[in-house]
Amino acid sequence: MYAVIRTGGKQYRVAPRDVIEVERLPAEAGAAVELSEVLALNDEKSTVIGTPLVNGARVAATVLEHTKGDKVIIFKKRRRKNYRRRTGHRQSYTMLRIDEILPAGQSRRGGVAE
């Protein structure tokens, strides 16, 4: 089973027990999060494509840690004008472990939602 989710303006193909790096989420390390923007859902039998989202589908994940990406150097220069600017940027990321993919109508523990 796998799902295509959207978070931080990017799309990710995820399966249970995957570890992915997404844009920083406002959650503490060790917290459980649910990602509700599921674009596509596939079990072994069928594929459901959302229009644009799959109604009721969620992906349950656990926050492992918050990290920063590699430094990117931005250098601007105008030739012959004595203009130089040098700045850097490090993007913040959150490491997630995908626990479960929940189709519509299922709760977190595998039962049926009420």
PDB file of N, CA and C in Angstrom:
ATOM      1  N   MET A   1       0.841  -1.174   0.000  1.00  0.00           N
ATOM      2  CA  MET A   1       0.000   0.000   0.000  1.00  0.00           C
ATOM      3  C   MET A   1       0.890   1.242   0.000  1.00  0.00           C
ATOM      4  N   TYR A   2       0.493   2.230  -0.797  1.00  0.00           N
ATOM      5  CA  TYR A   2       1.201   3.505  -0.787  1.00  0.00           C
ATOM      6  C   TYR A   2       0.209   4.633  -1.021  1.00  0.00           C
ATOM      7  N   ALA A   3       0.663   5.841  -0.722  1.00  0.00           N
ATOM      8  CA  ALA A   3      -0.162   7.035  -0.919  1.00  0.00           C
ATOM      9  C   ALA A   3       0.721   8.150  -1.448  1.00  0.00           C
ATOM     10  N   VAL A   4       0.112   9.091  -2.126  1.00  0.00           N
ATOM     11  CA  VAL A   4       0.788  10.312  -2.560  1.00  0.00           C
ATOM     12  C   VAL A   4       0.197  11.435  -1.724  1.00  0.00           C
ATOM     13  N   ILE A   5       1.061  12.115  -0.960  1.00  0.00           N
ATOM     14  CA  ILE A   5       0.606  13.180  -0.071  1.00  0.00           C
ATOM     15  C   ILE A   5       1.217  14.503  -0.492  1.00  0.00           C
ATOM     16  N   ARG A   6       0.594  15.592  -0.010  1.00  0.00           N
ATOM     17  CA  ARG A   6       1.123  16.929  -0.284  1.00  0.00           C
ATOM     18  C   ARG A   6       1.333  17.628   1.052  1.00  0.00           C
ATOM     19  N   THR A   7       2.541  18.121   1.280  1.00  0.00           N
ATOM     20  CA  THR A   7       2.836  18.913   2.466  1.00  0.00           C
ATOM     21  C   THR A   7       3.987  19.856   2.138  1.00  0.00           C
ATOM     22  N   GLY A   8       3.901  21.060   2.607  1.00  0.00           N
ATOM     23  CA  GLY A   8       4.950  22.044   2.352  1.00  0.00           C
ATOM     24  C   GLY A   8       5.069  22.434   0.892  1.00  0.00           C
ATOM     25  N   GLY A   9       3.987  22.276   0.117  1.00  0.00           N
ATOM     26  CA  GLY A   9       4.024  22.634  -1.293  1.00  0.00           C
ATOM     27  C   GLY A   9       4.670  21.594  -2.176  1.00  0.00           C
ATOM     28  N   LYS A  10       5.013  20.432  -1.633  1.00  0.00           N
ATOM     29  CA  LYS A  10       5.645  19.364  -2.398  1.00  0.00           C
ATOM     30  C   LYS A  10       4.838  18.089  -2.254  1.00  0.00           C
ATOM     31  N   GLN A  11       5.026  17.165  -3.194  1.00  0.00           N
ATOM     32  CA  GLN A  11       4.315  15.900  -3.165  1.00  0.00           C
ATOM     33  C   GLN A  11       5.299  14.769  -2.883  1.00  0.00           C
ATOM     34  N   TYR A  12       4.852  13.795  -2.085  1.00  0.00           N
ATOM     35  CA  TYR A  12       5.702  12.672  -1.693  1.00  0.00           C
ATOM     36  C   TYR A  12       4.923  11.374  -1.862  1.00  0.00           C
ATOM     37  N   ARG A  13       5.595  10.345  -2.373  1.00  0.00           N
ATOM     38  CA  ARG A  13       5.028   9.006  -2.430  1.00  0.00           C
ATOM     39  C   ARG A  13       5.500   8.277  -1.183  1.00  0.00           C
ATOM     40  N   VAL A  14       4.575   7.835  -0.342  1.00  0.00           N
ATOM     41  CA  VAL A  14       4.937   7.245   0.935  1.00  0.00           C
ATOM     42  C   VAL A  14       4.287   5.874   1.097  1.00  0.00           C
ATOM     43  N   ALA A  15       4.946   5.041   1.877  1.00  0.00           N
ATOM     44  CA  ALA A  15       4.443   3.723   2.252  1.00  0.00           C
ATOM     45  C   ALA A  15       4.691   3.568   3.745  1.00  0.00           C
ATOM     46  N   PRO A  16       4.006   2.631   4.406  1.00  0.00           N
ATOM     47  CA  PRO A  16       4.255   2.435   5.844  1.00  0.00           C
ATOM     48  C   PRO A  16       5.727   2.121   6.120  1.00  0.00           C
ATOM     49  N   ARG A  17       6.257   2.660   7.215  1.00  0.00           N
ATOM     50  CA  ARG A  17       7.634   2.529   7.681  1.00  0.00           C
ATOM     51  C   ARG A  17       8.646   3.315   6.842  1.00  0.00           C
ATOM     52  N   ASP A  18       8.193   4.180   5.942  1.00  0.00           N
ATOM     53  CA  ASP A  18       9.104   5.069   5.217  1.00  0.00           C
ATOM     54  C   ASP A  18       9.531   6.208   6.132  1.00  0.00           C
ATOM     55  N   VAL A  19      10.741   6.725   5.927  1.00  0.00           N
ATOM     56  CA  VAL A  19      11.213   7.916   6.616  1.00  0.00           C
ATOM     57  C   VAL A  19      11.431   8.986   5.549  1.00  0.00           C
ATOM     58  N   ILE A  20      10.735  10.111   5.697  1.00  0.00           N
ATOM     59  CA  ILE A  20      10.834  11.171   4.701  1.00  0.00           C
ATOM     60  C   ILE A  20      11.226  12.478   5.382  1.00  0.00           C
ATOM     61  N   GLU A  21      11.782  13.386   4.583  1.00  0.00           N
ATOM     62  CA  GLU A  21      12.203  14.705   5.052  1.00  0.00           C
ATOM     63  C   GLU A  21      11.289  15.727   4.393  1.00  0.00           C
ATOM     64  N   VAL A  22      10.488  16.445   5.198  1.00  0.00           N
ATOM     65  CA  VAL A  22       9.528  17.415   4.678  1.00  0.00           C
ATOM     66  C   VAL A  22       9.859  18.794   5.226  1.00  0.00           C
ATOM     67  N   GLU A  23       9.213  19.818   4.666  1.00  0.00           N
ATOM     68  CA  GLU A  23       9.363  21.168   5.197  1.00  0.00           C
ATOM     69  C   GLU A  23       8.953  21.162   6.665  1.00  0.00           C
ATOM     70  N   ARG A  24       9.533  22.035   7.450  1.00  0.00           N
ATOM     71  CA  ARG A  24       9.331  22.024   8.903  1.00  0.00           C
ATOM     72  C   ARG A  24       7.855  22.104   9.287  1.00  0.00           C
ATOM     73  N   LEU A  25       7.455  21.205  10.197  1.00  0.00           N
ATOM     74  CA  LEU A  25       6.098  21.170  10.725  1.00  0.00           C
ATOM     75  C   LEU A  25       6.105  21.647  12.174  1.00  0.00           C
ATOM     76  N   PRO A  26       5.057  22.315  12.624  1.00  0.00           N
ATOM     77  CA  PRO A  26       5.018  22.804  14.013  1.00  0.00           C
ATOM     78  C   PRO A  26       4.600  21.709  14.990  1.00  0.00           C
ATOM     79  N   ALA A  27       5.474  20.730  15.206  1.00  0.00           N
ATOM     80  CA  ALA A  27       5.204  19.633  16.134  1.00  0.00           C
ATOM     81  C   ALA A  27       6.505  19.259  16.829  1.00  0.00           C
ATOM     82  N   GLU A  28       6.399  18.806  18.069  1.00  0.00           N
ATOM     83  CA  GLU A  28       7.569  18.402  18.836  1.00  0.00           C
ATOM     84  C   GLU A  28       8.072  17.040  18.360  1.00  0.00           C
ATOM     85  N   ALA A  29       9.347  16.764  18.605  1.00  0.00           N
ATOM     86  CA  ALA A  29       9.916  15.463  18.271  1.00  0.00           C
ATOM     87  C   ALA A  29       9.217  14.393  19.107  1.00  0.00           C
ATOM     88  N   GLY A  30       8.817  13.303  18.471  1.00  0.00           N
ATOM     89  CA  GLY A  30       8.111  12.235  19.149  1.00  0.00           C
ATOM     90  C   GLY A  30       6.602  12.357  19.058  1.00  0.00           C
ATOM     91  N   ALA A  31       6.097  13.474  18.577  1.00  0.00           N
ATOM     92  CA  ALA A  31       4.645  13.679  18.478  1.00  0.00           C
ATOM     93  C   ALA A  31       4.081  12.950  17.268  1.00  0.00           C
ATOM     94  N   ALA A  32       2.809  12.596  17.361  1.00  0.00           N
ATOM     95  CA  ALA A  32       2.105  11.971  16.240  1.00  0.00           C
ATOM     96  C   ALA A  32       1.409  13.065  15.441  1.00  0.00           C
ATOM     97  N   VAL A  33       1.513  13.001  14.114  1.00  0.00           N
ATOM     98  CA  VAL A  33       0.838  13.958  13.240  1.00  0.00           C
ATOM     99  C   VAL A  33       0.030  13.175  12.211  1.00  0.00           C
ATOM    100  N   GLU A  34      -1.022  13.814  11.715  1.00  0.00           N
ATOM    101  CA  GLU A  34      -1.816  13.232  10.643  1.00  0.00           C
ATOM    102  C   GLU A  34      -1.791  14.183   9.468  1.00  0.00           C
ATOM    103  N   LEU A  35      -1.439  13.656   8.314  1.00  0.00           N
ATOM    104  CA  LEU A  35      -1.399  14.435   7.085  1.00  0.00           C
ATOM    105  C   LEU A  35      -2.670  14.117   6.311  1.00  0.00           C
ATOM    106  N   SER A  36      -3.506  15.122   6.110  1.00  0.00           N
ATOM    107  CA  SER A  36      -4.822  14.878   5.524  1.00  0.00           C
ATOM    108  C   SER A  36      -4.889  15.200   4.030  1.00  0.00           C
ATOM    109  N   GLU A  37      -3.856  15.783   3.477  1.00  0.00           N
ATOM    110  CA  GLU A  37      -3.874  16.097   2.051  1.00  0.00           C
ATOM    111  C   GLU A  37      -3.338  14.906   1.265  1.00  0.00           C
ATOM    112  N   VAL A  38      -4.202  13.921   1.047  1.00  0.00           N
ATOM    113  CA  VAL A  38      -3.844  12.711   0.313  1.00  0.00           C
ATOM    114  C   VAL A  38      -4.351  12.875  -1.114  1.00  0.00           C
ATOM    115  N   LEU A  39      -3.438  12.838  -2.079  1.00  0.00           N
ATOM    116  CA  LEU A  39      -3.795  13.048  -3.480  1.00  0.00           C
ATOM    117  C   LEU A  39      -4.152  11.753  -4.187  1.00  0.00           C
ATOM    118  N   ALA A  40      -3.521  10.646  -3.797  1.00  0.00           N
ATOM    119  CA  ALA A  40      -3.790   9.345  -4.413  1.00  0.00           C
ATOM    120  C   ALA A  40      -3.549   8.266  -3.376  1.00  0.00           C
ATOM    121  N   LEU A  41      -4.263   7.166  -3.525  1.00  0.00           N
ATOM    122  CA  LEU A  41      -4.190   6.078  -2.562  1.00  0.00           C
ATOM    123  C   LEU A  41      -4.207   4.774  -3.329  1.00  0.00           C
ATOM    124  N   ASN A  42      -3.290   3.863  -3.013  1.00  0.00           N
ATOM    125  CA  ASN A  42      -3.210   2.590  -3.715  1.00  0.00           C
ATOM    126  C   ASN A  42      -3.079   1.468  -2.701  1.00  0.00           C
ATOM    127  N   ASP A  43      -4.018   0.519  -2.749  1.00  0.00           N
ATOM    128  CA  ASP A  43      -3.799  -0.731  -2.036  1.00  0.00           C
ATOM    129  C   ASP A  43      -3.508  -1.768  -3.126  1.00  0.00           C
ATOM    130  N   GLU A  44      -3.332  -3.016  -2.761  1.00  0.00           N
ATOM    131  CA  GLU A  44      -2.931  -4.006  -3.757  1.00  0.00           C
ATOM    132  C   GLU A  44      -4.002  -4.238  -4.824  1.00  0.00           C
ATOM    133  N   LYS A  45      -5.258  -3.881  -4.501  1.00  0.00           N
ATOM    134  CA  LYS A  45      -6.362  -4.176  -5.417  1.00  0.00           C
ATOM    135  C   LYS A  45      -6.701  -3.031  -6.362  1.00  0.00           C
ATOM    136  N   SER A  46      -6.683  -1.784  -5.840  1.00  0.00           N
ATOM    137  CA  SER A  46      -7.165  -0.674  -6.662  1.00  0.00           C
ATOM    138  C   SER A  46      -6.413   0.606  -6.332  1.00  0.00           C
ATOM    139  N   THR A  47      -6.581   1.577  -7.216  1.00  0.00           N
ATOM    140  CA  THR A  47      -5.993   2.895  -7.033  1.00  0.00           C
ATOM    141  C   THR A  47      -7.109   3.926  -7.024  1.00  0.00           C
ATOM    142  N   VAL A  48      -7.061   4.837  -6.052  1.00  0.00           N
ATOM    143  CA  VAL A  48      -8.042   5.921  -5.963  1.00  0.00           C
ATOM    144  C   VAL A  48      -7.290   7.230  -6.170  1.00  0.00           C
ATOM    145  N   ILE A  49      -7.706   7.994  -7.161  1.00  0.00           N
ATOM    146  CA  ILE A  49      -7.115   9.292  -7.452  1.00  0.00           C
ATOM    147  C   ILE A  49      -8.098  10.355  -6.967  1.00  0.00           C
ATOM    148  N   GLY A  50      -7.609  11.298  -6.166  1.00  0.00           N
ATOM    149  CA  GLY A  50      -8.465  12.342  -5.634  1.00  0.00           C
ATOM    150  C   GLY A  50      -8.757  13.428  -6.647  1.00  0.00           C
ATOM    151  N   THR A  51      -9.819  14.190  -6.388  1.00  0.00           N
ATOM    152  CA  THR A  51     -10.181  15.299  -7.273  1.00  0.00           C
ATOM    153  C   THR A  51     -10.385  16.571  -6.471  1.00  0.00           C
ATOM    154  N   PRO A  52      -9.429  17.262  -5.942  1.00  0.00           N
ATOM    155  CA  PRO A  52      -7.996  16.981  -5.954  1.00  0.00           C
ATOM    156  C   PRO A  52      -7.550  16.091  -4.805  1.00  0.00           C
ATOM    157  N   LEU A  53      -8.381  15.917  -3.748  1.00  0.00           N
ATOM    158  CA  LEU A  53      -7.977  15.109  -2.603  1.00  0.00           C
ATOM    159  C   LEU A  53      -8.882  13.891  -2.485  1.00  0.00           C
ATOM    160  N   VAL A  54      -8.350  12.825  -1.869  1.00  0.00           N
ATOM    161  CA  VAL A  54      -9.150  11.646  -1.576  1.00  0.00           C
ATOM    162  C   VAL A  54      -9.925  11.934  -0.297  1.00  0.00           C
ATOM    163  N   ASN A  55     -11.241  11.912  -0.367  1.00  0.00           N
ATOM    164  CA  ASN A  55     -12.082  12.275   0.779  1.00  0.00           C
ATOM    165  C   ASN A  55     -11.889  11.307   1.934  1.00  0.00           C
ATOM    166  N   GLY A  56     -11.588  11.847   3.120  1.00  0.00           N
ATOM    167  CA  GLY A  56     -11.487  11.048   4.332  1.00  0.00           C
ATOM    168  C   GLY A  56     -10.192  10.298   4.528  1.00  0.00           C
ATOM    169  N   ALA A  57      -9.326  10.258   3.548  1.00  0.00           N
ATOM    170  CA  ALA A  57      -8.067   9.515   3.678  1.00  0.00           C
ATOM    171  C   ALA A  57      -7.052  10.355   4.453  1.00  0.00           C
ATOM    172  N   ARG A  58      -6.239   9.668   5.289  1.00  0.00           N
ATOM    173  CA  ARG A  58      -5.217  10.349   6.080  1.00  0.00           C
ATOM    174  C   ARG A  58      -3.980   9.472   6.132  1.00  0.00           C
ATOM    175  N   VAL A  59      -2.862  10.096   6.451  1.00  0.00           N
ATOM    176  CA  VAL A  59      -1.610   9.380   6.666  1.00  0.00           C
ATOM    177  C   VAL A  59      -1.127   9.728   8.066  1.00  0.00           C
ATOM    178  N   ALA A  60      -0.933   8.705   8.903  1.00  0.00           N
ATOM    179  CA  ALA A  60      -0.468   8.904  10.275  1.00  0.00           C
ATOM    180  C   ALA A  60       1.048   8.771  10.294  1.00  0.00           C
ATOM    181  N   ALA A  61       1.723   9.715  10.944  1.00  0.00           N
ATOM    182  CA  ALA A  61       3.184   9.724  10.981  1.00  0.00           C
ATOM    183  C   ALA A  61       3.659  10.158  12.366  1.00  0.00           C
ATOM    184  N   THR A  62       4.927   9.874  12.645  1.00  0.00           N
ATOM    185  CA  THR A  62       5.562  10.277  13.892  1.00  0.00           C
ATOM    186  C   THR A  62       6.743  11.180  13.559  1.00  0.00           C
ATOM    187  N   VAL A  63       6.872  12.281  14.288  1.00  0.00           N
ATOM    188  CA  VAL A  63       7.988  13.204  14.085  1.00  0.00           C
ATOM    189  C   VAL A  63       9.222  12.602  14.749  1.00  0.00           C
ATOM    190  N   LEU A  64      10.279  12.380  13.967  1.00  0.00           N
ATOM    191  CA  LEU A  64      11.520  11.838  14.512  1.00  0.00           C
ATOM    192  C   LEU A  64      12.424  12.934  15.032  1.00  0.00           C
ATOM    193  N   GLU A  65      12.671  13.964  14.201  1.00  0.00           N
ATOM    194  CA  GLU A  65      13.541  15.059  14.618  1.00  0.00           C
ATOM    195  C   GLU A  65      13.374  16.237  13.671  1.00  0.00           C
ATOM    196  N   HIS A  66      13.912  17.373  14.087  1.00  0.00           N
ATOM    197  CA  HIS A  66      13.972  18.569  13.252  1.00  0.00           C
ATOM    198  C   HIS A  66      15.432  18.782  12.876  1.00  0.00           C
ATOM    199  N   THR A  67      15.682  19.013  11.598  1.00  0.00           N
ATOM    200  CA  THR A  67      17.047  19.191  11.114  1.00  0.00           C
ATOM    201  C   THR A  67      17.104  20.418  10.210  1.00  0.00           C
ATOM    202  N   LYS A  68      18.312  20.733   9.789  1.00  0.00           N
ATOM    203  CA  LYS A  68      18.520  21.794   8.811  1.00  0.00           C
ATOM    204  C   LYS A  68      19.236  21.206   7.611  1.00  0.00           C
ATOM    205  N   GLY A  69      18.944  21.737   6.445  1.00  0.00           N
ATOM    206  CA  GLY A  69      19.580  21.281   5.223  1.00  0.00           C
ATOM    207  C   GLY A  69      20.964  21.876   5.056  1.00  0.00           C
ATOM    208  N   ASP A  70      21.594  21.560   3.944  1.00  0.00           N
ATOM    209  CA  ASP A  70      22.905  22.106   3.640  1.00  0.00           C
ATOM    210  C   ASP A  70      22.805  23.602   3.368  1.00  0.00           C
ATOM    211  N   LYS A  71      23.890  24.307   3.622  1.00  0.00           N
ATOM    212  CA  LYS A  71      23.907  25.745   3.401  1.00  0.00           C
ATOM    213  C   LYS A  71      23.974  26.030   1.897  1.00  0.00           C
ATOM    214  N   VAL A  72      23.165  26.988   1.481  1.00  0.00           N
ATOM    215  CA  VAL A  72      23.159  27.455   0.105  1.00  0.00           C
ATOM    216  C   VAL A  72      23.687  28.875   0.123  1.00  0.00           C
ATOM    217  N   ILE A  73      24.711  29.156  -0.680  1.00  0.00           N
ATOM    218  CA  ILE A  73      25.316  30.484  -0.739  1.00  0.00           C
ATOM    219  C   ILE A  73      24.687  31.270  -1.882  1.00  0.00           C
ATOM    220  N   ILE A  74      24.237  32.482  -1.577  1.00  0.00           N
ATOM    221  CA  ILE A  74      23.687  33.384  -2.584  1.00  0.00           C
ATOM    222  C   ILE A  74      24.695  34.513  -2.768  1.00  0.00           C
ATOM    223  N   PHE A  75      25.223  34.666  -3.971  1.00  0.00           N
ATOM    224  CA  PHE A  75      26.223  35.699  -4.233  1.00  0.00           C
ATOM    225  C   PHE A  75      25.749  36.536  -5.401  1.00  0.00           C
ATOM    226  N   LYS A  76      25.610  37.846  -5.181  1.00  0.00           N
ATOM    227  CA  LYS A  76      25.191  38.773  -6.226  1.00  0.00           C
ATOM    228  C   LYS A  76      26.357  39.703  -6.544  1.00  0.00           C
ATOM    229  N   LYS A  77      26.522  39.983  -7.817  1.00  0.00           N
ATOM    230  CA  LYS A  77      27.620  40.882  -8.212  1.00  0.00           C
ATOM    231  C   LYS A  77      27.217  41.643  -9.465  1.00  0.00           C
ATOM    232  N   ARG A  78      27.536  42.938  -9.469  1.00  0.00           N
ATOM    233  CA  ARG A  78      27.377  43.761 -10.666  1.00  0.00           C
ATOM    234  C   ARG A  78      28.783  44.160 -11.102  1.00  0.00           C
ATOM    235  N   ARG A  79      29.157  43.757 -12.253  1.00  0.00           N
ATOM    236  CA  ARG A  79      30.530  44.004 -12.670  1.00  0.00           C
ATOM    237  C   ARG A  79      30.796  45.501 -12.862  1.00  0.00           C
ATOM    238  N   ARG A  80      31.980  45.878 -12.485  1.00  0.00           N
ATOM    239  CA  ARG A  80      32.490  47.253 -12.609  1.00  0.00           C
ATOM    240  C   ARG A  80      31.724  48.268 -11.764  1.00  0.00           C
ATOM    241  N   LYS A  81      30.896  47.857 -10.837  1.00  0.00           N
ATOM    242  CA  LYS A  81      30.124  48.783 -10.023  1.00  0.00           C
ATOM    243  C   LYS A  81      30.467  48.665  -8.537  1.00  0.00           C
ATOM    244  N   ASN A  82      31.446  47.847  -8.175  1.00  0.00           N
ATOM    245  CA  ASN A  82      31.843  47.611  -6.787  1.00  0.00           C
ATOM    246  C   ASN A  82      30.646  47.167  -5.937  1.00  0.00           C
ATOM    247  N   TYR A  83      29.789  46.288  -6.525  1.00  0.00           N
ATOM    248  CA  TYR A  83      28.604  45.781  -5.834  1.00  0.00           C
ATOM    249  C   TYR A  83      28.752  44.282  -5.635  1.00  0.00           C
ATOM    250  N   ARG A  84      28.841  43.844  -4.392  1.00  0.00           N
ATOM    251  CA  ARG A  84      28.912  42.419  -4.058  1.00  0.00           C
ATOM    252  C   ARG A  84      28.080  42.175  -2.805  1.00  0.00           C
ATOM    253  N   ARG A  85      27.239  41.159  -2.849  1.00  0.00           N
ATOM    254  CA  ARG A  85      26.445  40.771  -1.691  1.00  0.00           C
ATOM    255  C   ARG A  85      26.544  39.258  -1.536  1.00  0.00           C
ATOM    256  N   ARG A  86      26.846  38.805  -0.330  1.00  0.00           N
ATOM    257  CA  ARG A  86      26.959  37.372  -0.068  1.00  0.00           C
ATOM    258  C   ARG A  86      26.087  37.031   1.128  1.00  0.00           C
ATOM    259  N   THR A  87      25.119  36.147   0.934  1.00  0.00           N
ATOM    260  CA  THR A  87      24.265  35.677   2.010  1.00  0.00           C
ATOM    261  C   THR A  87      24.169  34.161   1.942  1.00  0.00           C
ATOM    262  N   GLY A  88      23.694  33.550   3.012  1.00  0.00           N
ATOM    263  CA  GLY A  88      23.516  32.109   3.046  1.00  0.00           C
ATOM    264  C   GLY A  88      22.136  31.761   3.553  1.00  0.00           C
ATOM    265  N   HIS A  89      21.747  30.519   3.319  1.00  0.00           N
ATOM    266  CA  HIS A  89      20.434  30.049   3.767  1.00  0.00           C
ATOM    267  C   HIS A  89      20.521  28.564   4.091  1.00  0.00           C
ATOM    268  N   ARG A  90      19.905  28.169   5.218  1.00  0.00           N
ATOM    269  CA  ARG A  90      19.758  26.753   5.569  1.00  0.00           C
ATOM    270  C   ARG A  90      18.285  26.487   5.824  1.00  0.00           C
ATOM    271  N   GLN A  91      17.702  25.611   5.028  1.00  0.00           N
ATOM    272  CA  GLN A  91      16.275  25.300   5.141  1.00  0.00           C
ATOM    273  C   GLN A  91      16.026  24.371   6.328  1.00  0.00           C
ATOM    274  N   SER A  92      14.950  24.601   7.056  1.00  0.00           N
ATOM    275  CA  SER A  92      14.568  23.741   8.174  1.00  0.00           C
ATOM    276  C   SER A  92      13.694  22.596   7.671  1.00  0.00           C
ATOM    277  N   TYR A  93      13.971  21.391   8.147  1.00  0.00           N
ATOM    278  CA  TYR A  93      13.241  20.201   7.744  1.00  0.00           C
ATOM    279  C   TYR A  93      12.754  19.436   8.967  1.00  0.00           C
ATOM    280  N   THR A  94      11.754  18.598   8.760  1.00  0.00           N
ATOM    281  CA  THR A  94      11.255  17.681   9.779  1.00  0.00           C
ATOM    282  C   THR A  94      11.347  16.272   9.219  1.00  0.00           C
ATOM    283  N   MET A  95      11.914  15.368  10.000  1.00  0.00           N
ATOM    284  CA  MET A  95      11.999  13.962   9.602  1.00  0.00           C
ATOM    285  C   MET A  95      10.753  13.255  10.126  1.00  0.00           C
ATOM    286  N   LEU A  96      10.019  12.588   9.241  1.00  0.00           N
ATOM    287  CA  LEU A  96       8.804  11.877   9.600  1.00  0.00           C
ATOM    288  C   LEU A  96       8.953  10.392   9.308  1.00  0.00           C
ATOM    289  N   ARG A  97       8.417   9.549  10.211  1.00  0.00           N
ATOM    290  CA  ARG A  97       8.299   8.123   9.930  1.00  0.00           C
ATOM    291  C   ARG A  97       6.813   7.842   9.706  1.00  0.00           C
ATOM    292  N   ILE A  98       6.481   7.286   8.559  1.00  0.00           N
ATOM    293  CA  ILE A  98       5.099   6.995   8.212  1.00  0.00           C
ATOM    294  C   ILE A  98       4.668   5.738   8.963  1.00  0.00           C
ATOM    295  N   ASP A  99       3.618   5.859   9.787  1.00  0.00           N
ATOM    296  CA  ASP A  99       3.134   4.730  10.571  1.00  0.00           C
ATOM    297  C   ASP A  99       2.039   3.961   9.843  1.00  0.00           C
ATOM    298  N   GLU A 100       1.015   4.669   9.406  1.00  0.00           N
ATOM    299  CA  GLU A 100      -0.133   4.023   8.777  1.00  0.00           C
ATOM    300  C   GLU A 100      -0.684   4.891   7.664  1.00  0.00           C
ATOM    301  N   ILE A 101      -1.298   4.236   6.688  1.00  0.00           N
ATOM    302  CA  ILE A 101      -2.076   4.924   5.662  1.00  0.00           C
ATOM    303  C   ILE A 101      -3.525   4.534   5.909  1.00  0.00           C
ATOM    304  N   LEU A 102      -4.356   5.524   6.202  1.00  0.00           N
ATOM    305  CA  LEU A 102      -5.728   5.275   6.619  1.00  0.00           C
ATOM    306  C   LEU A 102      -6.708   5.685   5.520  1.00  0.00           C
ATOM    307  N   PRO A 103      -7.348   4.709   4.862  1.00  0.00           N
ATOM    308  CA  PRO A 103      -8.382   5.057   3.883  1.00  0.00           C
ATOM    309  C   PRO A 103      -9.582   5.684   4.578  1.00  0.00           C
ATOM    310  N   ALA A 104     -10.521   6.178   3.821  1.00  0.00           N
ATOM    311  CA  ALA A 104     -11.712   6.815   4.386  1.00  0.00           C
ATOM    312  C   ALA A 104     -12.473   5.814   5.246  1.00  0.00           C
ATOM    313  N   GLY A 105     -12.866   6.249   6.448  1.00  0.00           N
ATOM    314  CA  GLY A 105     -13.663   5.412   7.323  1.00  0.00           C
ATOM    315  C   GLY A 105     -12.875   4.549   8.284  1.00  0.00           C
ATOM    316  N   GLN A 106     -11.548   4.641   8.289  1.00  0.00           N
ATOM    317  CA  GLN A 106     -10.749   3.852   9.228  1.00  0.00           C
ATOM    318  C   GLN A 106     -10.142   4.759  10.284  1.00  0.00           C
ATOM    319  N   SER A 107     -10.032   4.218  11.528  1.00  0.00           N
ATOM    320  CA  SER A 107      -9.409   4.979  12.592  1.00  0.00           C
ATOM    321  C   SER A 107      -7.939   4.588  12.683  1.00  0.00           C
ATOM    322  N   ARG A 108      -7.234   5.218  13.586  1.00  0.00           N
ATOM    323  CA  ARG A 108      -5.779   5.051  13.684  1.00  0.00           C
ATOM    324  C   ARG A 108      -5.366   3.629  14.051  1.00  0.00           C
ATOM    325  N   ARG A 109      -6.170   2.908  14.845  1.00  0.00           N
ATOM    326  CA  ARG A 109      -5.786   1.582  15.293  1.00  0.00           C
ATOM    327  C   ARG A 109      -6.270   0.469  14.378  1.00  0.00           C
ATOM    328  N   GLY A 110      -6.710   0.792  13.181  1.00  0.00           N
ATOM    329  CA  GLY A 110      -7.131  -0.233  12.251  1.00  0.00           C
ATOM    330  C   GLY A 110      -8.616  -0.550  12.299  1.00  0.00           C
ATOM    331  N   GLY A 111      -9.362   0.024  13.236  1.00  0.00           N
ATOM    332  CA  GLY A 111     -10.796  -0.215  13.334  1.00  0.00           C
ATOM    333  C   GLY A 111     -11.571   0.684  12.394  1.00  0.00           C
ATOM    334  N   VAL A 112     -12.873   0.624  12.490  1.00  0.00           N
ATOM    335  CA  VAL A 112     -13.728   1.454  11.647  1.00  0.00           C
ATOM    336  C   VAL A 112     -14.119   2.701  12.449  1.00  0.00           C
ATOM    337  N   ALA A 113     -13.997   3.865  11.831  1.00  0.00           N
ATOM    338  CA  ALA A 113     -14.347   5.121  12.493  1.00  0.00           C
ATOM    339  C   ALA A 113     -15.855   5.226  12.639  1.00  0.00           C
ATOM    340  N   GLU A 114     -16.293   5.901  13.674  1.00  0.00           N
ATOM    341  CA  GLU A 114     -17.730   6.056  13.916  1.00  0.00           C
ATOM    342  C   GLU A 114     -18.254   7.298  13.295  1.00  0.00           C
TER     343      GLU A 114
END
